[in-house]
C-alpha cells in the first residue's frame, strides 16, 4: 500500500534539525533571541578592558591591539547582510545555530590563543559568526510575535538587551580580567553559548522566507577584503609613512576591491547592497551620517579604556566601573530619542544628539595624565554616549522611512553595516594618528597626548556630521 504524499510542511519539518513540534512559548523565543543578541553586542565592548592585559600576555603591538577590535568588526560588518539573506534561503533557525556555534568555537579558540595571530584569526571568525547570528535573532523574534503592541514590546526588549550588552561589557571584562585573566573575556562565551545553543536546537521552530534570492558571496568577500586591506594600509602609515610601498600597495588594493564590490553590486541580480536604494535621499544621507558618527563614536570605548589603565593607572576592574555611567547614558539616550522625535522631528533629534557628542569629545580632548575621574572620564563620557544614543535611533528611522516596506529590513541592515564599517576605518585612522603622536614613547604623558589627538580629530568628524545632517537629512512635513 502506497503512503500518502507528504505535504510541503512535513517535508520542511523532516529536513529540519529536529522532528516537528508545537510552537514554543513566545517568552522563550524572545529570551533565546535576546541571549544571542546580548552575546554579539557584549563581545564588541568586553574586549576593550582586556586590551592592555592581552598586549602583555601575547606581546601585541599598538597596531595589533586595534586589530583585536577591527578583526571582529570588519568581519561582522562585511558579512552581516549576507548572513541575513542566508537565513531567508536556508532557514532562520539553522543560521541562528550555525552563527552561534561558530561564534562559540571561535571564542574558545581565542581564549586558548598562544600567539597574537591565533587571537586575531579567532576574532575574525567570531565576527563572521556574529554576522550570521545577529540578523536571525530579530527575524526569528518578529516571526514568533504577532504584529502590534506585543511585537513592539518584544523588539523594545531586544533593543534594550543589545544596549545592555554594550553597557555591561566594560564591567564584565574588568571583573573577569581582575579575578581570572584576559582569556576569560572570550572563554566566558563558551558555556553561555553552549546553553543557548542547546535550548535553541530543542525549542526554536524553523522558518524561512523562501523568496528565491541568491547569496551574493562575491559582494560580501569584496567588501570585507577591501575594508580589511584599506584598514591595514592606514595602520602602516605610522611606521612607513604615506608614500612608502608598504602603505600605498594595501591602500590601492583596498580601494580596488571596494570598486570591484560596487561593480559586482551593479551587475548581480541579487546584490548584497542594492545601489538603487542609495538614490533615495533618506537612505543615502542617513547612511553617510551613520558612517561618520560610527567612525568617531566607535573609538570612544577603545581610547577611554587605554587612557584609564595606561595613563591614570586604573586596574581592569576600575576601568570597567569607570565607564559604567557612560554605558548607561547610551541606554538613556536610546529611550529618550523616540519621545523627542515625536515633538521636535527625527532630523533635529539626530543633530541634537550629535552636538551633545561633539561637546563630550571636545571635553575629552583636553585630558591630562593626572586628571580627576569626574572631569576626565565620567562627565565627558556621559556626554559622548548620551549623544550617541540620541542620534542612532532617528538616523535609523529616517533611513527606513523612504524605503518600500519590503526593503525596510535591508535598509536597517545597511545602517548597521555603515556604522560598523565607519567604526572599523575610524579606529584604524585614529589609532594611527595617536601612535604617531606618541612617537614610540609609553609614558603616561606621551600616551595621553596621542589619545587627546584622537578625540580632537573625532570632534572634527562629528562637527562635519552635524552640518551634513542639518543640510542633507530629509525634513518632516511638520518642519516644512
Protein backbone atom coordinates (compact mmCIF):
# COMPACT_ATOMS: atom_id res chain seq x y z
CA UNK A 1 0.00 0.00 0.00
CA UNK A 2 1.49 3.28 -1.04
CA UNK A 3 1.75 6.08 1.52
CA UNK A 4 0.10 9.41 1.16
CA UNK A 5 2.34 12.04 -0.47
CA UNK A 6 3.93 14.22 2.19
CA UNK A 7 2.88 17.84 2.39
CA UNK A 8 5.28 20.75 1.95
CA UNK A 9 5.14 21.49 5.68
CA UNK A 10 6.01 17.90 6.53
CA UNK A 11 8.90 17.95 4.06
CA UNK A 12 10.31 21.11 5.64
CA UNK A 13 9.91 19.64 9.11
CA UNK A 14 11.64 16.43 8.04
CA UNK A 15 14.56 18.46 6.70
CA UNK A 16 14.91 20.50 9.91
CA UNK A 17 17.32 19.61 12.65
CA UNK A 18 14.68 18.09 14.94
CA UNK A 19 11.29 16.42 14.47
CA UNK A 20 8.33 18.80 14.23
CA UNK A 21 6.77 20.02 17.44
CA UNK A 22 4.34 22.68 18.59
CA UNK A 23 5.32 26.33 18.68
CA UNK A 24 7.35 27.22 21.79
CA UNK A 25 6.10 29.85 24.25
CA UNK A 26 6.64 33.38 22.96
CA UNK A 27 8.58 34.43 26.05
CA UNK A 28 11.07 31.62 25.43
CA UNK A 29 11.65 32.68 21.81
CA UNK A 30 12.22 36.26 22.98
CA UNK A 31 14.61 35.08 25.70
CA UNK A 32 16.68 32.94 23.31
CA UNK A 33 16.94 35.56 20.58
CA UNK A 34 17.82 38.26 23.12
CA UNK A 35 20.51 35.99 24.59
CA UNK A 36 22.07 35.61 21.14
CA UNK A 37 21.96 39.37 20.55
CA UNK A 38 23.43 40.01 24.02
CA UNK A 39 26.48 37.85 23.23
CA UNK A 40 27.07 39.60 19.91
CA UNK A 41 26.96 43.12 21.40
CA UNK A 42 28.77 42.18 24.61
CA UNK A 43 31.76 40.94 22.64
CA UNK A 44 32.21 44.32 20.98
CA UNK A 45 32.82 46.06 24.32
CA UNK A 46 34.02 43.37 26.74
CA UNK A 47 37.36 43.02 24.97
CA UNK A 48 38.31 46.70 25.35
CA UNK A 49 39.06 46.45 29.08
CA UNK A 50 41.27 43.41 28.46
CA UNK A 51 43.41 45.02 25.72
CA UNK A 52 46.36 46.06 27.96
CA UNK A 53 46.43 42.57 29.51
CA UNK A 54 46.29 40.97 26.05
CA UNK A 55 49.20 43.13 24.97
CA UNK A 56 51.29 41.93 27.92
CA UNK A 57 50.26 38.29 27.57
CA UNK A 58 50.81 37.91 23.83
CA UNK A 59 53.26 40.71 23.09
CA UNK A 60 50.82 42.64 20.89
CA UNK A 61 51.89 45.93 19.31
CA UNK A 62 49.70 49.07 19.25
CA UNK A 63 48.72 48.06 15.72
CA UNK A 64 47.90 44.57 16.97
CA UNK A 65 45.63 46.00 19.67
CA UNK A 66 43.48 47.85 17.16
CA UNK A 67 43.21 44.66 15.08
CA UNK A 68 41.86 42.73 18.07
CA UNK A 69 38.87 45.07 17.74
CA UNK A 70 38.93 45.55 13.96
CA UNK A 71 39.19 41.86 13.02
CA UNK A 72 35.82 41.31 14.71
CA UNK A 73 34.08 44.46 13.49
CA UNK A 74 35.21 44.23 9.85
CA UNK A 75 34.10 40.60 9.51
CA UNK A 76 30.86 41.46 11.32
CA UNK A 77 30.08 44.42 9.05
CA UNK A 78 31.16 42.75 5.82
CA UNK A 79 29.09 39.60 6.23
CA UNK A 80 26.04 40.87 8.16
CA UNK A 81 23.81 41.45 5.14
CA UNK A 82 24.93 38.12 3.70
CA UNK A 83 24.00 36.44 6.99
CA UNK A 84 20.51 37.90 6.84
CA UNK A 85 19.92 36.62 3.33
CA UNK A 86 21.32 33.19 4.22
CA UNK A 87 18.58 32.99 6.87
CA UNK A 88 15.94 33.67 4.21
CA UNK A 89 17.30 30.92 1.96
CA UNK A 90 18.43 28.21 4.35
CA UNK A 91 16.27 28.82 7.41
CA UNK A 92 16.48 31.34 10.26
CA UNK A 93 16.82 28.69 12.96
CA UNK A 94 19.56 26.92 11.04
CA UNK A 95 21.52 30.14 10.59
CA UNK A 96 20.99 31.02 14.26
CA UNK A 97 22.56 27.70 15.21
CA UNK A 98 25.38 27.96 12.67
CA UNK A 99 26.22 31.53 13.71
CA UNK A 100 26.10 30.81 17.44
CA UNK A 101 28.11 27.59 17.04
CA UNK A 102 30.79 29.38 15.01
CA UNK A 103 30.87 32.26 17.50
CA UNK A 104 31.23 29.89 20.47
CA UNK A 105 34.00 27.80 18.90
CA UNK A 106 35.92 30.94 17.87
CA UNK A 107 35.59 32.26 21.44
CA UNK A 108 37.17 29.03 22.70
CA UNK A 109 39.99 29.30 20.17
CA UNK A 110 40.63 32.95 21.06
CA UNK A 111 40.66 32.24 24.79
CA UNK A 112 43.27 29.49 24.26
CA UNK A 113 45.40 31.51 21.79
CA UNK A 114 49.14 31.14 22.27
CA UNK A 115 50.25 33.71 19.71
CA UNK A 116 48.99 37.08 18.52
CA UNK A 117 47.89 35.83 15.10
CA UNK A 118 45.91 33.00 16.70
CA UNK A 119 43.89 35.61 18.58
CA UNK A 120 43.33 37.80 15.51
CA UNK A 121 42.10 34.86 13.40
CA UNK A 122 39.76 33.79 16.20
CA UNK A 123 38.36 37.32 16.46
CA UNK A 124 37.71 37.42 12.70
CA UNK A 125 35.85 34.09 12.87
CA UNK A 126 33.89 35.43 15.86
CA UNK A 127 32.84 38.38 13.71
CA UNK A 128 31.73 36.03 10.93
CA UNK A 129 29.67 34.00 13.39
CA UNK A 130 28.13 37.19 14.78
CA UNK A 131 27.24 38.34 11.25
CA UNK A 132 25.32 35.10 10.66
CA UNK A 133 23.72 35.10 14.13
CA UNK A 134 22.64 38.73 14.58
CA UNK A 135 20.15 39.04 11.67
CA UNK A 136 18.49 35.76 12.64
CA UNK A 137 17.79 36.93 16.19
CA UNK A 138 15.49 39.73 15.03
CA UNK A 139 13.78 37.80 12.21
CA UNK A 140 13.01 34.83 14.49
CA UNK A 141 11.62 37.20 17.12
CA UNK A 142 9.38 39.14 14.71
CA UNK A 143 8.14 35.90 13.14
CA UNK A 144 7.15 34.50 16.53
CA UNK A 145 5.38 37.59 17.92
CA UNK A 146 2.17 38.90 16.28
CA UNK A 147 2.31 42.38 14.82
CA UNK A 148 1.09 45.13 17.12
CA UNK A 149 1.79 46.14 20.71
CA UNK A 150 3.20 42.71 21.62
CA UNK A 151 5.76 42.84 18.83
CA UNK A 152 6.69 46.42 19.72
CA UNK A 153 7.35 45.34 23.31
CA UNK A 154 9.40 42.35 22.13
CA UNK A 155 11.52 44.50 19.82
CA UNK A 156 11.94 47.02 22.64
CA UNK A 157 13.23 44.23 24.86
CA UNK A 158 15.59 43.06 22.11
CA UNK A 159 16.92 46.62 21.66
CA UNK A 160 17.36 47.16 25.40
CA UNK A 161 19.22 43.87 25.77
CA UNK A 162 21.56 44.92 22.96
CA UNK A 163 22.25 48.24 24.66
CA UNK A 164 22.67 46.41 27.95
CA UNK A 165 25.28 44.14 26.38
CA UNK A 166 27.34 47.15 25.39
CA UNK A 167 26.86 48.72 28.81
CA UNK A 168 27.81 45.52 30.68
CA UNK A 169 30.91 44.82 28.60
CA UNK A 170 33.30 47.08 30.47
CA UNK A 171 32.23 45.91 33.90
CA UNK A 172 32.13 42.21 32.98
CA UNK A 173 35.51 42.46 31.27
CA UNK A 174 37.06 44.20 34.27
CA UNK A 175 35.73 41.58 36.70
CA UNK A 176 37.00 38.68 34.57
CA UNK A 177 40.45 40.15 33.94
CA UNK A 178 40.99 41.06 37.60
CA UNK A 179 39.63 37.81 39.04
CA UNK A 180 40.92 35.38 36.39
CA UNK A 181 42.76 36.57 33.25
CA UNK A 182 42.16 38.29 29.91
CA UNK A 183 41.42 34.89 28.36
CA UNK A 184 38.13 34.68 30.21
CA UNK A 185 36.60 37.64 28.38
CA UNK A 186 36.46 35.17 25.46
CA UNK A 187 36.10 31.87 27.31
CA UNK A 188 33.01 33.12 29.18
CA UNK A 189 31.14 32.92 25.86
CA UNK A 190 31.67 29.16 25.66
CA UNK A 191 29.37 27.93 28.50
CA UNK A 192 26.77 30.63 27.75
CA UNK A 193 26.85 29.85 24.04
CA UNK A 194 26.54 26.10 24.72
CA UNK A 195 23.45 26.59 26.91
CA UNK A 196 21.73 28.92 24.41
CA UNK A 197 22.67 26.61 21.53
CA UNK A 198 21.18 23.56 23.25
CA UNK A 199 17.97 25.39 24.10
CA UNK A 200 17.68 26.78 20.55
CA UNK A 201 18.10 23.32 18.99
CA UNK A 202 15.31 21.96 21.12
CA UNK A 203 12.79 24.82 21.27
CA UNK A 204 13.10 27.06 18.21
CA UNK A 205 10.99 26.28 15.13
CA UNK A 206 12.41 26.53 11.63
CA UNK A 207 11.22 29.29 9.36
CA UNK A 208 12.36 30.86 6.12
CA UNK A 209 11.12 33.44 3.67
CA UNK A 210 11.86 31.36 0.58
CA UNK A 211 11.96 34.40 -1.69
CA UNK A 212 14.29 32.83 -4.23
CA UNK A 213 17.17 35.26 -3.77
CA UNK A 214 20.72 34.03 -4.13
CA UNK A 215 23.61 34.70 -1.81
CA UNK A 216 25.86 37.49 -3.05
CA UNK A 217 29.04 35.83 -1.81
CA UNK A 218 31.35 37.70 -4.24
CA UNK A 219 29.99 41.03 -3.00
CA UNK A 220 30.47 40.11 0.66
CA UNK A 221 34.03 38.87 0.05
CA UNK A 222 34.96 42.00 -1.93
CA UNK A 223 33.66 44.48 0.63
CA UNK A 224 35.15 42.63 3.61
CA UNK A 225 38.54 42.14 1.95
CA UNK A 226 38.51 45.75 0.72
CA UNK A 227 37.79 47.19 4.16
CA UNK A 228 40.36 44.96 5.84
CA UNK A 229 43.07 45.80 3.30
CA UNK A 230 42.29 49.51 3.49
CA UNK A 231 42.41 49.47 7.30
CA UNK A 232 45.74 47.63 7.16
CA UNK A 233 47.17 50.20 4.75
CA UNK A 234 46.08 53.06 7.04
CA UNK A 235 47.75 51.36 10.03
CA UNK A 236 51.02 51.08 8.06
CA UNK A 237 51.34 54.87 7.77
CA UNK A 238 52.63 55.13 11.33
CA UNK A 239 55.78 53.12 10.65
CA UNK A 240 56.32 53.61 6.92
CA UNK A 241 54.66 56.93 6.03
CA UNK A 242 52.01 57.64 3.41
CA UNK A 243 54.26 57.33 0.36
CA UNK A 244 56.04 54.05 1.17
CA UNK A 245 55.16 50.94 -0.91
CA UNK A 246 54.15 49.13 2.30
CA UNK A 247 51.42 51.75 2.71
CA UNK A 248 50.45 52.56 -0.88
CA UNK A 249 50.04 48.97 -2.07
CA UNK A 250 47.44 47.91 0.52
CA UNK A 251 45.66 51.28 0.22
CA UNK A 252 45.38 50.93 -3.55
CA UNK A 253 44.42 47.27 -3.27
CA UNK A 254 41.70 48.11 -0.73
CA UNK A 255 40.26 50.85 -2.94
CA UNK A 256 40.36 48.49 -5.95
CA UNK A 257 38.47 45.81 -4.02
CA UNK A 258 35.82 48.32 -2.93
CA UNK A 259 35.48 49.48 -6.57
CA UNK A 260 35.11 45.84 -7.59
CA UNK A 261 32.41 45.47 -4.92
CA UNK A 262 30.45 48.36 -6.47
CA UNK A 263 30.84 46.80 -9.92
CA UNK A 264 29.60 43.44 -8.65
CA UNK A 265 26.60 45.06 -6.94
CA UNK A 266 25.69 46.93 -10.13
CA UNK A 267 25.62 43.73 -12.21
CA UNK A 268 24.33 40.97 -9.95
CA UNK A 269 20.63 40.13 -9.94
CA UNK A 270 20.51 39.84 -6.12
CA UNK A 271 23.01 42.39 -4.77
CA UNK A 272 24.15 42.48 -1.18
CA UNK A 273 23.67 46.27 -1.24
CA UNK A 274 21.24 47.41 -3.96
CA UNK A 275 22.79 50.62 -5.26
CA UNK A 276 19.39 51.90 -6.38
CA UNK A 277 18.42 52.38 -2.73
CA UNK A 278 21.16 54.98 -2.35
CA UNK A 279 19.28 57.24 -4.79
CA UNK A 280 16.74 57.79 -2.02
CA UNK A 281 17.78 60.90 -0.09
CA UNK A 282 16.68 59.46 3.24
CA UNK A 283 18.72 56.28 2.76
CA UNK A 284 21.90 57.87 1.41
CA UNK A 285 22.01 60.79 3.87
CA UNK A 286 21.28 58.65 6.94
CA UNK A 287 23.88 56.05 5.96
CA UNK A 288 26.60 58.65 5.38
CA UNK A 289 25.70 60.27 8.70
CA UNK A 290 25.82 56.90 10.46
CA UNK A 291 29.20 56.16 8.86
CA UNK A 292 30.66 59.45 10.16
CA UNK A 293 29.15 59.03 13.64
CA UNK A 294 30.36 55.45 13.85
CA UNK A 295 33.89 56.39 12.79
CA UNK A 296 34.25 58.61 15.87
CA UNK A 297 31.94 57.12 18.49
CA UNK A 298 33.05 53.52 17.98
CA UNK A 299 36.56 54.54 19.08
CA UNK A 300 35.44 56.09 22.35
CA UNK A 301 35.50 52.83 24.34
CA UNK A 302 38.88 51.85 22.88
CA UNK A 303 40.70 55.06 23.83
CA UNK A 304 38.91 55.63 27.14
CA UNK A 305 39.87 52.16 28.34
CA UNK A 306 43.51 52.62 27.34
CA UNK A 307 43.60 56.10 28.91
CA UNK A 308 42.17 54.86 32.20
CA UNK A 309 44.66 51.99 32.50
CA UNK A 310 47.80 53.26 30.76
CA UNK A 311 47.70 56.91 31.84
CA UNK A 312 45.67 57.04 35.06
CA UNK A 313 46.83 53.65 36.36
CA UNK A 314 43.37 52.07 36.79
CA UNK A 315 43.08 48.30 37.11
CA UNK A 316 40.90 46.50 34.53
CA UNK A 317 38.04 46.33 37.04
CA UNK A 318 38.38 50.00 37.95
CA UNK A 319 38.40 50.91 34.25
CA UNK A 320 35.23 48.87 33.69
CA UNK A 321 33.50 50.54 36.65
CA UNK A 322 34.66 53.97 35.49
CA UNK A 323 32.81 53.53 32.17
CA UNK A 324 29.52 52.31 33.69
CA UNK A 325 27.92 55.82 33.78
CA UNK A 326 28.72 56.43 30.11
CA UNK A 327 27.44 52.95 29.26
CA UNK A 328 24.14 53.67 30.98
CA UNK A 329 23.96 57.00 29.13
CA UNK A 330 23.64 55.08 25.84
CA UNK A 331 20.57 53.30 27.18
CA UNK A 332 19.12 56.59 28.44
CA UNK A 333 19.69 58.30 25.09
CA UNK A 334 18.06 55.40 23.23
CA UNK A 335 14.99 55.63 25.48
CA UNK A 336 14.71 59.42 25.19
CA UNK A 337 15.11 59.58 21.40
CA UNK A 338 11.66 58.19 20.38
CA UNK A 339 9.88 60.66 22.70
CA UNK A 340 11.85 63.62 21.38
CA UNK A 341 11.28 62.51 17.78
CA UNK A 342 7.52 62.91 18.26
CA UNK A 343 7.91 66.53 19.35
CA UNK A 344 10.90 68.06 17.53
CA UNK A 345 11.33 65.73 14.48
CA UNK A 346 13.90 62.95 13.80
CA UNK A 347 16.29 65.26 11.92
CA UNK A 348 16.56 67.67 14.82
CA UNK A 349 17.00 64.87 17.36
CA UNK A 350 19.86 63.43 15.27
CA UNK A 351 21.52 66.86 15.12
CA UNK A 352 20.94 67.46 18.83
CA UNK A 353 22.41 64.09 19.78
CA UNK A 354 25.48 64.62 17.62
CA UNK A 355 26.00 68.12 19.10
CA UNK A 356 25.91 66.61 22.60
CA UNK A 357 28.53 64.07 21.47
CA UNK A 358 30.65 66.88 19.98
CA UNK A 359 30.66 68.59 23.39
CA UNK A 360 31.77 65.36 25.04
CA UNK A 361 34.51 64.66 22.50
CA UNK A 362 35.79 68.23 22.74
CA UNK A 363 35.88 67.99 26.54
CA UNK A 364 37.64 64.63 26.43
CA UNK A 365 40.32 66.03 24.09
CA UNK A 366 41.55 68.22 26.99
CA UNK A 367 42.53 65.14 29.05
CA UNK A 368 45.70 65.19 31.15
CA UNK A 369 47.84 62.34 32.55
CA UNK A 370 46.77 63.21 36.12
CA UNK A 371 43.12 64.05 35.51
CA UNK A 372 40.37 63.54 38.07
CA UNK A 373 37.78 60.85 37.38
CA UNK A 374 34.74 63.15 37.29
CA UNK A 375 36.16 65.64 34.80
CA UNK A 376 38.45 63.35 32.78
CA UNK A 377 36.22 60.29 32.31
CA UNK A 378 32.74 60.40 33.80
CA UNK A 379 31.19 63.68 32.56
CA UNK A 380 32.70 63.73 29.04
CA UNK A 381 31.95 60.02 28.71
CA UNK A 382 28.30 60.57 29.62
CA UNK A 383 28.01 63.38 27.06
CA UNK A 384 29.60 61.29 24.30
CA UNK A 385 27.42 58.25 24.86
CA UNK A 386 24.21 60.16 25.61
CA UNK A 387 24.70 61.85 22.24
CA UNK A 388 25.35 58.51 20.56
CA UNK A 389 22.12 57.08 21.96
CA UNK A 390 20.11 60.12 20.91
CA UNK A 391 21.47 60.16 17.35
CA UNK A 392 21.29 56.47 16.42
CA UNK A 393 17.50 55.95 16.62
CA UNK A 394 16.40 58.92 14.44
CA UNK A 395 19.06 58.11 11.83
CA UNK A 396 17.77 54.54 11.59
CA UNK A 397 14.18 55.78 11.43
CA UNK A 398 14.96 58.29 8.66
CA UNK A 399 16.84 55.65 6.65
CA UNK A 400 13.86 53.29 6.61
CA UNK A 401 11.22 56.00 6.14
CA UNK A 402 11.85 56.42 2.42
CA UNK A 403 12.18 52.75 1.50
CA UNK A 404 9.41 50.40 0.40
CA UNK A 405 8.00 48.18 3.18
CA UNK A 406 9.64 45.11 1.66
CA UNK A 407 13.04 46.78 1.79
CA UNK A 408 12.88 48.07 5.38
CA UNK A 409 14.87 45.14 6.76
CA UNK A 410 17.55 45.52 4.11
CA UNK A 411 17.84 49.27 4.78
CA UNK A 412 18.15 48.61 8.51
CA UNK A 413 20.99 46.23 7.74
CA UNK A 414 22.66 48.91 5.62
CA UNK A 415 22.50 51.36 8.52
CA UNK A 416 24.13 48.87 10.91
CA UNK A 417 26.73 47.99 8.30
CA UNK A 418 27.56 51.67 7.67
CA UNK A 419 28.02 52.28 11.39
CA UNK A 420 30.26 49.26 11.87
CA UNK A 421 32.31 49.92 8.75
CA UNK A 422 32.76 53.54 9.81
CA UNK A 423 33.90 52.37 13.22
CA UNK A 424 36.45 49.97 11.76
CA UNK A 425 38.06 52.51 9.44
CA UNK A 426 37.78 55.27 12.05
CA UNK A 427 39.61 53.14 14.59
CA UNK A 428 42.37 52.44 12.07
CA UNK A 429 42.83 56.14 11.30
CA UNK A 430 42.59 57.47 14.86
CA UNK A 431 44.82 54.72 16.31
CA UNK A 432 47.45 55.52 13.69
CA UNK A 433 47.30 59.24 14.49
CA UNK A 434 47.53 58.56 18.23
CA UNK A 435 50.51 56.22 17.81
CA UNK A 436 52.29 58.70 15.55
CA UNK A 437 51.87 61.45 18.16
CA UNK A 438 53.41 59.30 20.92
CA UNK A 439 56.45 58.56 18.68
CA UNK A 440 57.05 55.22 20.40
CA UNK A 441 57.01 56.60 23.95
CA UNK A 442 54.97 54.73 26.56
CA UNK A 443 55.00 57.35 29.31
CA UNK A 444 51.58 58.45 30.61
CA UNK A 445 52.15 61.98 29.31
CA UNK A 446 53.02 60.84 25.77
CA UNK A 447 50.16 58.34 25.61
CA UNK A 448 47.71 60.98 26.83
CA UNK A 449 48.81 63.33 24.05
CA UNK A 450 48.08 60.62 21.50
CA UNK A 451 44.65 59.82 22.95
CA UNK A 452 43.78 63.54 23.13
CA UNK A 453 44.66 63.96 19.45
CA UNK A 454 42.31 61.09 18.57
CA UNK A 455 39.46 62.81 20.41
CA UNK A 456 40.22 66.17 18.74
CA UNK A 457 40.00 64.57 15.32
CA UNK A 458 36.82 62.77 16.39
CA UNK A 459 35.36 66.13 17.41
CA UNK A 460 36.02 67.49 13.93
CA UNK A 461 34.48 64.44 12.23
CA UNK A 462 31.31 64.76 14.31
CA UNK A 463 31.12 68.50 13.62
CA UNK A 464 31.14 67.71 9.89
CA UNK A 465 28.41 65.16 10.61
CA UNK A 466 26.25 67.81 12.31
CA UNK A 467 26.49 70.09 9.27
CA UNK A 468 25.73 67.23 6.89
CA UNK A 469 22.68 66.13 8.89
CA UNK A 470 21.24 69.64 9.09
CA UNK A 471 21.58 70.21 5.34
CA UNK A 472 21.03 66.74 3.85
CA UNK A 473 18.67 64.76 6.09
CA UNK A 474 15.05 64.99 4.86
CA UNK A 475 12.67 67.27 6.76
CA UNK A 476 9.34 66.05 8.06
CA UNK A 477 6.06 67.65 6.96
CA UNK A 478 5.86 69.47 10.29
CA UNK A 479 9.30 71.08 9.74
CA UNK A 480 8.40 72.13 6.21
